[in-house]
């Protein structure tokens, strides 16, 4: 009987080690998944957004990250002037443009 208890006593730490090993394996799989799938997709979206921002021109109808729809009235350096109604204009930073209206990029941030 004491032999059975000794074997059971040794089995518990082995299970804990197995649990830690499983957790470590899950973390490694997640890290691989992140670096092979998620991160490249984010970088691709960032490149598309940067390209879209660089190609903005006067007259483009855009959607801002805050949901405002307007037409670009003017562009100067990193600032754009949006016209949302006749003679209603305001300035904002280019990076706050989410996308062109009707473009699928308009839904991404």
PDB file of N, CA and C in Angstrom:
ATOM      1  N   UNK A   1       0.820  -1.189   0.000  1.00  0.00           N
ATOM      2  CA  UNK A   1       0.000   0.000   0.000  1.00  0.00           C
ATOM      3  C   UNK A   1       0.870   1.261   0.000  1.00  0.00           C
ATOM      4  N   UNK A   2       1.931   1.267   0.782  1.00  0.00           N
ATOM      5  CA  UNK A   2       2.807   2.426   0.833  1.00  0.00           C
ATOM      6  C   UNK A   2       3.484   2.670  -0.518  1.00  0.00           C
ATOM      7  N   UNK A   3       3.706   1.555  -1.243  1.00  0.00           N
ATOM      8  CA  UNK A   3       4.304   1.683  -2.571  1.00  0.00           C
ATOM      9  C   UNK A   3       3.350   2.417  -3.528  1.00  0.00           C
ATOM     10  N   UNK A   4       2.044   2.133  -3.426  1.00  0.00           N
ATOM     11  CA  UNK A   4       1.043   2.789  -4.264  1.00  0.00           C
ATOM     12  C   UNK A   4       0.975   4.275  -3.931  1.00  0.00           C
ATOM     13  N   UNK A   5       0.997   4.637  -2.648  1.00  0.00           N
ATOM     14  CA  UNK A   5       0.979   6.034  -2.247  1.00  0.00           C
ATOM     15  C   UNK A   5       2.220   6.773  -2.726  1.00  0.00           C
ATOM     16  N   UNK A   6       3.364   6.097  -2.702  1.00  0.00           N
ATOM     17  CA  UNK A   6       4.601   6.719  -3.171  1.00  0.00           C
ATOM     18  C   UNK A   6       4.522   7.011  -4.670  1.00  0.00           C
ATOM     19  N   UNK A   7       3.941   6.076  -5.439  1.00  0.00           N
ATOM     20  CA  UNK A   7       3.795   6.277  -6.873  1.00  0.00           C
ATOM     21  C   UNK A   7       2.815   7.417  -7.152  1.00  0.00           C
ATOM     22  N   UNK A   8       1.698   7.478  -6.415  1.00  0.00           N
ATOM     23  CA  UNK A   8       0.728   8.556  -6.589  1.00  0.00           C
ATOM     24  C   UNK A   8       1.326   9.906  -6.210  1.00  0.00           C
ATOM     25  N   UNK A   9       2.159   9.931  -5.186  1.00  0.00           N
ATOM     26  CA  UNK A   9       2.812  11.170  -4.770  1.00  0.00           C
ATOM     27  C   UNK A   9       3.773  11.685  -5.822  1.00  0.00           C
ATOM     28  N   UNK A  10       4.398  10.783  -6.556  1.00  0.00           N
ATOM     29  CA  UNK A  10       5.323  11.206  -7.607  1.00  0.00           C
ATOM     30  C   UNK A  10       4.591  11.631  -8.881  1.00  0.00           C
ATOM     31  N   UNK A  11       3.372  11.164  -9.047  1.00  0.00           N
ATOM     32  CA  UNK A  11       2.637  11.472 -10.266  1.00  0.00           C
ATOM     33  C   UNK A  11       2.151  12.920 -10.293  1.00  0.00           C
ATOM     34  N   UNK A  12       1.854  13.501  -9.143  1.00  0.00           N
ATOM     35  CA  UNK A  12       1.316  14.861  -9.101  1.00  0.00           C
ATOM     36  C   UNK A  12       2.292  15.904  -9.668  1.00  0.00           C
ATOM     37  N   UNK A  13       3.551  15.921  -9.271  1.00  0.00           N
ATOM     38  CA  UNK A  13       4.465  16.901  -9.852  1.00  0.00           C
ATOM     39  C   UNK A  13       4.656  16.708 -11.362  1.00  0.00           C
ATOM     40  N   UNK A  14       4.588  15.482 -11.830  1.00  0.00           N
ATOM     41  CA  UNK A  14       4.733  15.246 -13.260  1.00  0.00           C
ATOM     42  C   UNK A  14       3.569  15.886 -14.019  1.00  0.00           C
ATOM     43  N   UNK A  15       2.376  15.863 -13.449  1.00  0.00           N
ATOM     44  CA  UNK A  15       1.233  16.485 -14.097  1.00  0.00           C
ATOM     45  C   UNK A  15       1.391  18.009 -14.118  1.00  0.00           C
ATOM     46  N   UNK A  16       1.922  18.583 -13.058  1.00  0.00           N
ATOM     47  CA  UNK A  16       2.148  20.023 -13.044  1.00  0.00           C
ATOM     48  C   UNK A  16       3.147  20.422 -14.122  1.00  0.00           C
ATOM     49  N   UNK A  17       4.208  19.665 -14.255  1.00  0.00           N
ATOM     50  CA  UNK A  17       5.190  19.930 -15.288  1.00  0.00           C
ATOM     51  C   UNK A  17       4.561  19.814 -16.661  1.00  0.00           C
ATOM     52  N   UNK A  18       3.677  18.869 -16.833  1.00  0.00           N
ATOM     53  CA  UNK A  18       2.976  18.706 -18.099  1.00  0.00           C
ATOM     54  C   UNK A  18       2.087  19.897 -18.388  1.00  0.00           C
ATOM     55  N   UNK A  19       1.461  20.438 -17.357  1.00  0.00           N
ATOM     56  CA  UNK A  19       0.604  21.604 -17.530  1.00  0.00           C
ATOM     57  C   UNK A  19       1.426  22.831 -17.921  1.00  0.00           C
ATOM     58  N   UNK A  20       2.564  23.015 -17.263  1.00  0.00           N
ATOM     59  CA  UNK A  20       3.441  24.135 -17.614  1.00  0.00           C
ATOM     60  C   UNK A  20       4.006  23.971 -19.019  1.00  0.00           C
ATOM     61  N   UNK A  21       4.333  22.741 -19.359  1.00  0.00           N
ATOM     62  CA  UNK A  21       4.835  22.475 -20.704  1.00  0.00           C
ATOM     63  C   UNK A  21       3.773  22.759 -21.760  1.00  0.00           C
ATOM     64  N   UNK A  22       2.537  22.395 -21.468  1.00  0.00           N
ATOM     65  CA  UNK A  22       1.434  22.637 -22.398  1.00  0.00           C
ATOM     66  C   UNK A  22       1.198  24.139 -22.558  1.00  0.00           C
ATOM     67  N   UNK A  23       1.266  24.874 -21.440  1.00  0.00           N
ATOM     68  CA  UNK A  23       1.097  26.325 -21.499  1.00  0.00           C
ATOM     69  C   UNK A  23       2.213  26.964 -22.327  1.00  0.00           C
ATOM     70  N   UNK A  24       3.433  26.522 -22.120  1.00  0.00           N
ATOM     71  CA  UNK A  24       4.565  27.041 -22.897  1.00  0.00           C
ATOM     72  C   UNK A  24       4.386  26.731 -24.379  1.00  0.00           C
ATOM     73  N   UNK A  25       3.925  25.532 -24.701  1.00  0.00           N
ATOM     74  CA  UNK A  25       3.694  25.154 -26.087  1.00  0.00           C
ATOM     75  C   UNK A  25       2.608  26.019 -26.716  1.00  0.00           C
ATOM     76  N   UNK A  26       1.545  26.296 -25.965  1.00  0.00           N
ATOM     77  CA  UNK A  26       0.477  27.148 -26.478  1.00  0.00           C
ATOM     78  C   UNK A  26       0.987  28.565 -26.749  1.00  0.00           C
ATOM     79  N   UNK A  27       1.837  29.086 -25.849  1.00  0.00           N
ATOM     80  CA  UNK A  27       2.416  30.412 -26.055  1.00  0.00           C
ATOM     81  C   UNK A  27       3.309  30.448 -27.293  1.00  0.00           C
ATOM     82  N   UNK A  28       4.070  29.404 -27.508  1.00  0.00           N
ATOM     83  CA  UNK A  28       4.938  29.328 -28.680  1.00  0.00           C
ATOM     84  C   UNK A  28       4.105  29.280 -29.957  1.00  0.00           C
ATOM     85  N   UNK A  29       3.040  28.492 -29.955  1.00  0.00           N
ATOM     86  CA  UNK A  29       2.166  28.397 -31.130  1.00  0.00           C
ATOM     87  C   UNK A  29       1.514  29.754 -31.392  1.00  0.00           C
ATOM     88  N   UNK A  30       1.056  30.438 -30.340  1.00  0.00           N
ATOM     89  CA  UNK A  30       0.461  31.760 -30.525  1.00  0.00           C
ATOM     90  C   UNK A  30       1.475  32.746 -31.093  1.00  0.00           C
ATOM     91  N   UNK A  31       2.714  32.712 -30.593  1.00  0.00           N
ATOM     92  CA  UNK A  31       3.755  33.622 -31.086  1.00  0.00           C
ATOM     93  C   UNK A  31       4.033  33.360 -32.572  1.00  0.00           C
ATOM     94  N   UNK A  32       4.106  32.097 -32.952  1.00  0.00           N
ATOM     95  CA  UNK A  32       4.328  31.756 -34.360  1.00  0.00           C
ATOM     96  C   UNK A  32       3.154  32.253 -35.198  1.00  0.00           C
ATOM     97  N   UNK A  33       1.928  32.017 -34.731  1.00  0.00           N
ATOM     98  CA  UNK A  33       0.732  32.463 -35.438  1.00  0.00           C
ATOM     99  C   UNK A  33       0.737  33.974 -35.588  1.00  0.00           C
ATOM    100  N   UNK A  34       1.116  34.689 -34.525  1.00  0.00           N
ATOM    101  CA  UNK A  34       1.144  36.152 -34.563  1.00  0.00           C
ATOM    102  C   UNK A  34       2.136  36.652 -35.605  1.00  0.00           C
ATOM    103  N   UNK A  35       3.363  36.117 -35.576  1.00  0.00           N
ATOM    104  CA  UNK A  35       4.402  36.631 -36.469  1.00  0.00           C
ATOM    105  C   UNK A  35       4.234  36.175 -37.914  1.00  0.00           C
ATOM    106  N   UNK A  36       3.517  35.084 -38.146  1.00  0.00           N
ATOM    107  CA  UNK A  36       3.326  34.612 -39.517  1.00  0.00           C
ATOM    108  C   UNK A  36       2.007  35.059 -40.137  1.00  0.00           C
ATOM    109  N   UNK A  37       1.004  35.389 -39.315  1.00  0.00           N
ATOM    110  CA  UNK A  37      -0.309  35.711 -39.861  1.00  0.00           C
ATOM    111  C   UNK A  37      -0.777  37.130 -39.513  1.00  0.00           C
ATOM    112  N   UNK A  38      -0.826  37.457 -38.253  1.00  0.00           N
ATOM    113  CA  UNK A  38      -1.440  38.714 -37.811  1.00  0.00           C
ATOM    114  C   UNK A  38      -0.560  39.912 -38.143  1.00  0.00           C
ATOM    115  N   UNK A  39       0.684  39.873 -37.756  1.00  0.00           N
ATOM    116  CA  UNK A  39       1.576  41.019 -37.945  1.00  0.00           C
ATOM    117  C   UNK A  39       1.762  41.396 -39.411  1.00  0.00           C
ATOM    118  N   UNK A  40       2.002  40.437 -40.314  1.00  0.00           N
ATOM    119  CA  UNK A  40       2.130  40.820 -41.725  1.00  0.00           C
ATOM    120  C   UNK A  40       0.856  41.458 -42.282  1.00  0.00           C
ATOM    121  N   UNK A  41      -0.300  40.989 -41.844  1.00  0.00           N
ATOM    122  CA  UNK A  41      -1.552  41.581 -42.312  1.00  0.00           C
ATOM    123  C   UNK A  41      -1.680  43.023 -41.827  1.00  0.00           C
ATOM    124  N   UNK A  42      -1.308  43.275 -40.567  1.00  0.00           N
ATOM    125  CA  UNK A  42      -1.355  44.639 -40.036  1.00  0.00           C
ATOM    126  C   UNK A  42      -0.400  45.546 -40.810  1.00  0.00           C
ATOM    127  N   UNK A  43       0.784  45.047 -41.111  1.00  0.00           N
ATOM    128  CA  UNK A  43       1.756  45.855 -41.847  1.00  0.00           C
ATOM    129  C   UNK A  43       1.260  46.156 -43.263  1.00  0.00           C
ATOM    130  N   UNK A  44       0.602  45.183 -43.890  1.00  0.00           N
ATOM    131  CA  UNK A  44       0.061  45.393 -45.225  1.00  0.00           C
ATOM    132  C   UNK A  44      -1.032  46.468 -45.185  1.00  0.00           C
ATOM    133  N   UNK A  45      -1.897  46.428 -44.176  1.00  0.00           N
ATOM    134  CA  UNK A  45      -2.943  47.441 -44.053  1.00  0.00           C
ATOM    135  C   UNK A  45      -2.346  48.818 -43.802  1.00  0.00           C
ATOM    136  N   UNK A  46      -1.279  48.879 -43.006  1.00  0.00           N
ATOM    137  CA  UNK A  46      -0.626  50.152 -42.749  1.00  0.00           C
ATOM    138  C   UNK A  46      -0.009  50.719 -44.030  1.00  0.00           C
ATOM    139  N   UNK A  47       0.576  49.867 -44.854  1.00  0.00           N
ATOM    140  CA  UNK A  47       1.158  50.318 -46.121  1.00  0.00           C
ATOM    141  C   UNK A  47       0.072  50.847 -47.052  1.00  0.00           C
ATOM    142  N   UNK A  48      -1.069  50.157 -47.120  1.00  0.00           N
ATOM    143  CA  UNK A  48      -2.169  50.606 -47.969  1.00  0.00           C
ATOM    144  C   UNK A  48      -2.699  51.953 -47.491  1.00  0.00           C
ATOM    145  N   UNK A  49      -2.822  52.115 -46.173  1.00  0.00           N
ATOM    146  CA  UNK A  49      -3.324  53.375 -45.616  1.00  0.00           C
ATOM    147  C   UNK A  49      -2.345  54.507 -45.910  1.00  0.00           C
ATOM    148  N   UNK A  50      -1.058  54.245 -45.732  1.00  0.00           N
ATOM    149  CA  UNK A  50      -0.040  55.267 -45.995  1.00  0.00           C
ATOM    150  C   UNK A  50      -0.049  55.669 -47.467  1.00  0.00           C
ATOM    151  N   UNK A  51      -0.188  54.694 -48.347  1.00  0.00           N
ATOM    152  CA  UNK A  51      -0.251  54.984 -49.782  1.00  0.00           C
ATOM    153  C   UNK A  51      -1.483  55.820 -50.112  1.00  0.00           C
ATOM    154  N   UNK A  52      -2.615  55.474 -49.515  1.00  0.00           N
ATOM    155  CA  UNK A  52      -3.846  56.217 -49.752  1.00  0.00           C
ATOM    156  C   UNK A  52      -3.702  57.655 -49.261  1.00  0.00           C
ATOM    157  N   UNK A  53      -3.091  57.854 -48.087  1.00  0.00           N
ATOM    158  CA  UNK A  53      -2.879  59.194 -47.519  1.00  0.00           C
ATOM    159  C   UNK A  53      -1.977  60.020 -48.443  1.00  0.00           C
ATOM    160  N   UNK A  54      -0.926  59.397 -48.961  1.00  0.00           N
ATOM    161  CA  UNK A  54       0.008  60.113 -49.835  1.00  0.00           C
ATOM    162  C   UNK A  54      -0.630  60.514 -51.163  1.00  0.00           C
ATOM    163  N   UNK A  55      -1.645  59.770 -51.612  1.00  0.00           N
ATOM    164  CA  UNK A  55      -2.267  60.029 -52.905  1.00  0.00           C
ATOM    165  C   UNK A  55      -3.546  60.857 -52.820  1.00  0.00           C
ATOM    166  N   UNK A  56      -3.846  61.414 -51.643  1.00  0.00           N
ATOM    167  CA  UNK A  56      -5.031  62.266 -51.531  1.00  0.00           C
ATOM    168  C   UNK A  56      -4.844  63.521 -52.366  1.00  0.00           C
ATOM    169  N   UNK A  57      -5.934  63.965 -52.973  1.00  0.00           N
ATOM    170  CA  UNK A  57      -5.864  65.192 -53.776  1.00  0.00           C
ATOM    171  C   UNK A  57      -7.143  65.995 -53.584  1.00  0.00           C
ATOM    172  N   UNK A  58      -7.072  67.234 -53.991  1.00  0.00           N
ATOM    173  CA  UNK A  58      -8.215  68.133 -53.870  1.00  0.00           C
ATOM    174  C   UNK A  58      -9.409  67.549 -54.630  1.00  0.00           C
ATOM    175  N   UNK A  59     -10.578  67.555 -53.993  1.00  0.00           N
ATOM    176  CA  UNK A  59     -11.784  67.042 -54.613  1.00  0.00           C
ATOM    177  C   UNK A  59     -12.142  65.624 -54.214  1.00  0.00           C
ATOM    178  N   UNK A  60     -11.216  64.897 -53.568  1.00  0.00           N
ATOM    179  CA  UNK A  60     -11.521  63.539 -53.105  1.00  0.00           C
ATOM    180  C   UNK A  60     -12.537  63.588 -51.972  1.00  0.00           C
ATOM    181  N   UNK A  61     -13.500  62.698 -51.996  1.00  0.00           N
ATOM    182  CA  UNK A  61     -14.466  62.604 -50.906  1.00  0.00           C
ATOM    183  C   UNK A  61     -13.964  61.538 -49.945  1.00  0.00           C
ATOM    184  N   UNK A  62     -13.790  61.914 -48.679  1.00  0.00           N
ATOM    185  CA  UNK A  62     -13.168  61.034 -47.696  1.00  0.00           C
ATOM    186  C   UNK A  62     -14.045  60.865 -46.461  1.00  0.00           C
ATOM    187  N   UNK A  63     -13.713  59.830 -45.711  1.00  0.00           N
ATOM    188  CA  UNK A  63     -14.334  59.580 -44.406  1.00  0.00           C
ATOM    189  C   UNK A  63     -13.216  59.651 -43.378  1.00  0.00           C
ATOM    190  N   UNK A  64     -13.434  60.406 -42.307  1.00  0.00           N
ATOM    191  CA  UNK A  64     -12.421  60.516 -41.262  1.00  0.00           C
ATOM    192  C   UNK A  64     -12.632  59.413 -40.240  1.00  0.00           C
ATOM    193  N   UNK A  65     -11.662  59.239 -39.372  1.00  0.00           N
ATOM    194  CA  UNK A  65     -11.770  58.218 -38.320  1.00  0.00           C
ATOM    195  C   UNK A  65     -12.890  58.527 -37.337  1.00  0.00           C
ATOM    196  N   UNK A  66     -13.291  59.783 -37.263  1.00  0.00           N
ATOM    197  CA  UNK A  66     -14.384  60.154 -36.365  1.00  0.00           C
ATOM    198  C   UNK A  66     -15.739  60.050 -37.058  1.00  0.00           C
ATOM    199  N   UNK A  67     -15.744  59.643 -38.335  1.00  0.00           N
ATOM    200  CA  UNK A  67     -16.993  59.428 -39.044  1.00  0.00           C
ATOM    201  C   UNK A  67     -17.487  60.606 -39.855  1.00  0.00           C
ATOM    202  N   UNK A  68     -16.707  61.647 -39.973  1.00  0.00           N
ATOM    203  CA  UNK A  68     -17.108  62.819 -40.744  1.00  0.00           C
ATOM    204  C   UNK A  68     -16.833  62.559 -42.230  1.00  0.00           C
ATOM    205  N   UNK A  69     -17.819  62.864 -43.057  1.00  0.00           N
ATOM    206  CA  UNK A  69     -17.668  62.717 -44.504  1.00  0.00           C
ATOM    207  C   UNK A  69     -17.523  64.107 -45.094  1.00  0.00           C
ATOM    208  N   UNK A  70     -16.501  64.286 -45.903  1.00  0.00           N
ATOM    209  CA  UNK A  70     -16.281  65.592 -46.506  1.00  0.00           C
ATOM    210  C   UNK A  70     -15.446  65.491 -47.762  1.00  0.00           C
ATOM    211  N   UNK A  71     -15.317  66.609 -48.429  1.00  0.00           N
ATOM    212  CA  UNK A  71     -14.526  66.712 -49.651  1.00  0.00           C
ATOM    213  C   UNK A  71     -13.272  67.512 -49.344  1.00  0.00           C
ATOM    214  N   UNK A  72     -12.155  67.049 -49.838  1.00  0.00           N
ATOM    215  CA  UNK A  72     -10.897  67.750 -49.592  1.00  0.00           C
ATOM    216  C   UNK A  72     -10.917  69.062 -50.373  1.00  0.00           C
ATOM    217  N   UNK A  73     -10.757  70.158 -49.634  1.00  0.00           N
ATOM    218  CA  UNK A  73     -10.767  71.503 -50.213  1.00  0.00           C
ATOM    219  C   UNK A  73      -9.343  71.978 -50.480  1.00  0.00           C
ATOM    220  N   UNK A  74      -8.421  71.539 -49.612  1.00  0.00           N
ATOM    221  CA  UNK A  74      -7.028  71.946 -49.777  1.00  0.00           C
ATOM    222  C   UNK A  74      -6.103  71.019 -49.015  1.00  0.00           C
ATOM    223  N   UNK A  75      -4.852  70.928 -49.464  1.00  0.00           N
ATOM    224  CA  UNK A  75      -3.847  70.087 -48.814  1.00  0.00           C
ATOM    225  C   UNK A  75      -2.580  70.909 -48.643  1.00  0.00           C
ATOM    226  N   UNK A  76      -2.039  70.903 -47.426  1.00  0.00           N
ATOM    227  CA  UNK A  76      -0.773  71.579 -47.151  1.00  0.00           C
ATOM    228  C   UNK A  76       0.011  70.742 -46.151  1.00  0.00           C
ATOM    229  N   UNK A  77       1.157  70.224 -46.581  1.00  0.00           N
ATOM    230  CA  UNK A  77       2.016  69.375 -45.752  1.00  0.00           C
ATOM    231  C   UNK A  77       1.219  68.227 -45.145  1.00  0.00           C
ATOM    232  N   UNK A  78       1.072  68.240 -43.812  1.00  0.00           N
ATOM    233  CA  UNK A  78       0.392  67.163 -43.091  1.00  0.00           C
ATOM    234  C   UNK A  78      -1.042  67.554 -42.720  1.00  0.00           C
ATOM    235  N   UNK A  79      -1.512  68.678 -43.222  1.00  0.00           N
ATOM    236  CA  UNK A  79      -2.848  69.195 -42.885  1.00  0.00           C
ATOM    237  C   UNK A  79      -3.724  69.205 -44.132  1.00  0.00           C
ATOM    238  N   UNK A  80      -4.971  68.770 -43.967  1.00  0.00           N
ATOM    239  CA  UNK A  80      -5.930  68.892 -45.059  1.00  0.00           C
ATOM    240  C   UNK A  80      -7.090  69.759 -44.581  1.00  0.00           C
ATOM    241  N   UNK A  81      -7.711  70.444 -45.529  1.00  0.00           N
ATOM    242  CA  UNK A  81      -8.903  71.225 -45.231  1.00  0.00           C
ATOM    243  C   UNK A  81     -10.079  70.486 -45.842  1.00  0.00           C
ATOM    244  N   UNK A  82     -11.033  70.117 -44.988  1.00  0.00           N
ATOM    245  CA  UNK A  82     -12.223  69.401 -45.441  1.00  0.00           C
ATOM    246  C   UNK A  82     -13.387  70.367 -45.553  1.00  0.00           C
ATOM    247  N   UNK A  83     -14.165  70.205 -46.593  1.00  0.00           N
ATOM    248  CA  UNK A  83     -15.399  70.961 -46.735  1.00  0.00           C
ATOM    249  C   UNK A  83     -16.535  69.951 -46.546  1.00  0.00           C
ATOM    250  N   UNK A  84     -17.335  70.151 -45.480  1.00  0.00           N
ATOM    251  CA  UNK A  84     -18.422  69.224 -45.194  1.00  0.00           C
ATOM    252  C   UNK A  84     -19.760  69.732 -45.712  1.00  0.00           C
ATOM    253  N   UNK A  85     -19.893  71.019 -45.868  1.00  0.00           N
ATOM    254  CA  UNK A  85     -21.071  71.679 -46.456  1.00  0.00           C
ATOM    255  C   UNK A  85     -20.550  72.892 -47.211  1.00  0.00           C
ATOM    256  N   UNK A  86     -21.417  73.581 -47.912  1.00  0.00           N
ATOM    257  CA  UNK A  86     -20.987  74.799 -48.601  1.00  0.00           C
ATOM    258  C   UNK A  86     -20.446  75.797 -47.585  1.00  0.00           C
ATOM    259  N   UNK A  87     -19.213  76.205 -47.796  1.00  0.00           N
ATOM    260  CA  UNK A  87     -18.523  77.179 -46.943  1.00  0.00           C
ATOM    261  C   UNK A  87     -18.383  76.745 -45.492  1.00  0.00           C
ATOM    262  N   UNK A  88     -18.464  75.453 -45.203  1.00  0.00           N
ATOM    263  CA  UNK A  88     -18.178  74.919 -43.864  1.00  0.00           C
ATOM    264  C   UNK A  88     -16.928  74.068 -44.011  1.00  0.00           C
ATOM    265  N   UNK A  89     -15.811  74.612 -43.556  1.00  0.00           N
ATOM    266  CA  UNK A  89     -14.514  73.952 -43.722  1.00  0.00           C
ATOM    267  C   UNK A  89     -13.791  73.876 -42.388  1.00  0.00           C
ATOM    268  N   UNK A  90     -12.996  72.833 -42.245  1.00  0.00           N
ATOM    269  CA  UNK A  90     -12.130  72.747 -41.075  1.00  0.00           C
ATOM    270  C   UNK A  90     -10.863  72.000 -41.446  1.00  0.00           C
ATOM    271  N   UNK A  91      -9.823  72.239 -40.652  1.00  0.00           N
ATOM    272  CA  UNK A  91      -8.522  71.623 -40.896  1.00  0.00           C
ATOM    273  C   UNK A  91      -8.343  70.436 -39.978  1.00  0.00           C
ATOM    274  N   UNK A  92      -7.649  69.444 -40.499  1.00  0.00           N
ATOM    275  CA  UNK A  92      -7.345  68.268 -39.682  1.00  0.00           C
ATOM    276  C   UNK A  92      -6.059  67.624 -40.197  1.00  0.00           C
ATOM    277  N   UNK A  93      -5.506  66.743 -39.405  1.00  0.00           N
ATOM    278  CA  UNK A  93      -4.282  66.037 -39.766  1.00  0.00           C
ATOM    279  C   UNK A  93      -4.622  64.946 -40.781  1.00  0.00           C
ATOM    280  N   UNK A  94      -3.780  64.790 -41.783  1.00  0.00           N
ATOM    281  CA  UNK A  94      -4.017  63.815 -42.847  1.00  0.00           C
ATOM    282  C   UNK A  94      -4.233  62.393 -42.322  1.00  0.00           C
ATOM    283  N   UNK A  95      -3.464  62.013 -41.314  1.00  0.00           N
ATOM    284  CA  UNK A  95      -3.533  60.649 -40.799  1.00  0.00           C
ATOM    285  C   UNK A  95      -4.901  60.292 -40.221  1.00  0.00           C
ATOM    286  N   UNK A  96      -5.731  61.292 -39.960  1.00  0.00           N
ATOM    287  CA  UNK A  96      -7.058  61.026 -39.405  1.00  0.00           C
ATOM    288  C   UNK A  96      -8.074  60.635 -40.477  1.00  0.00           C
ATOM    289  N   UNK A  97      -7.646  60.638 -41.737  1.00  0.00           N
ATOM    290  CA  UNK A  97      -8.523  60.181 -42.816  1.00  0.00           C
ATOM    291  C   UNK A  97      -8.500  58.654 -42.805  1.00  0.00           C
ATOM    292  N   UNK A  98      -9.679  58.049 -42.677  1.00  0.00           N
ATOM    293  CA  UNK A  98      -9.774  56.590 -42.650  1.00  0.00           C
ATOM    294  C   UNK A  98      -9.732  56.012 -44.059  1.00  0.00           C
ATOM    295  N   UNK A  99     -10.312  56.721 -45.017  1.00  0.00           N
ATOM    296  CA  UNK A  99     -10.291  56.216 -46.377  1.00  0.00           C
ATOM    297  C   UNK A  99     -11.140  57.058 -47.300  1.00  0.00           C
ATOM    298  N   UNK A 100     -11.094  56.687 -48.555  1.00  0.00           N
ATOM    299  CA  UNK A 100     -11.915  57.349 -49.547  1.00  0.00           C
ATOM    300  C   UNK A 100     -13.338  56.815 -49.426  1.00  0.00           C
ATOM    301  N   UNK A 101     -14.310  57.668 -49.678  1.00  0.00           N
ATOM    302  CA  UNK A 101     -15.701  57.242 -49.558  1.00  0.00           C
ATOM    303  C   UNK A 101     -15.993  56.206 -50.648  1.00  0.00           C
ATOM    304  N   UNK A 102     -16.627  55.100 -50.237  1.00  0.00           N
ATOM    305  CA  UNK A 102     -16.939  54.020 -51.161  1.00  0.00           C
ATOM    306  C   UNK A 102     -15.804  53.029 -51.324  1.00  0.00           C
ATOM    307  N   UNK A 103     -14.673  53.272 -50.666  1.00  0.00           N
ATOM    308  CA  UNK A 103     -13.515  52.402 -50.725  1.00  0.00           C
ATOM    309  C   UNK A 103     -13.543  51.467 -49.528  1.00  0.00           C
ATOM    310  N   UNK A 104     -13.261  50.164 -49.710  1.00  0.00           N
ATOM    311  CA  UNK A 104     -13.247  49.238 -48.570  1.00  0.00           C
ATOM    312  C   UNK A 104     -12.246  49.635 -47.497  1.00  0.00           C
ATOM    313  N   UNK A 105     -11.207  50.389 -47.856  1.00  0.00           N
ATOM    314  CA  UNK A 105     -10.243  50.826 -46.842  1.00  0.00           C
ATOM    315  C   UNK A 105     -10.867  51.794 -45.850  1.00  0.00           C
ATOM    316  N   UNK A 106     -11.994  52.380 -46.185  1.00  0.00           N
ATOM    317  CA  UNK A 106     -12.620  53.345 -45.310  1.00  0.00           C
ATOM    318  C   UNK A 106     -13.086  52.708 -44.008  1.00  0.00           C
ATOM    319  N   UNK A 107     -13.292  51.395 -44.017  1.00  0.00           N
ATOM    320  CA  UNK A 107     -13.723  50.730 -42.801  1.00  0.00           C
ATOM    321  C   UNK A 107     -12.559  50.296 -41.928  1.00  0.00           C
ATOM    322  N   UNK A 108     -11.329  50.328 -42.429  1.00  0.00           N
ATOM    323  CA  UNK A 108     -10.175  49.902 -41.629  1.00  0.00           C
ATOM    324  C   UNK A 108      -9.532  51.097 -40.972  1.00  0.00           C
ATOM    325  N   UNK A 109      -8.856  50.829 -39.849  1.00  0.00           N
ATOM    326  CA  UNK A 109      -8.181  51.911 -39.127  1.00  0.00           C
ATOM    327  C   UNK A 109      -6.711  51.685 -39.166  1.00  0.00           C
TER     328      UNK A 109
END
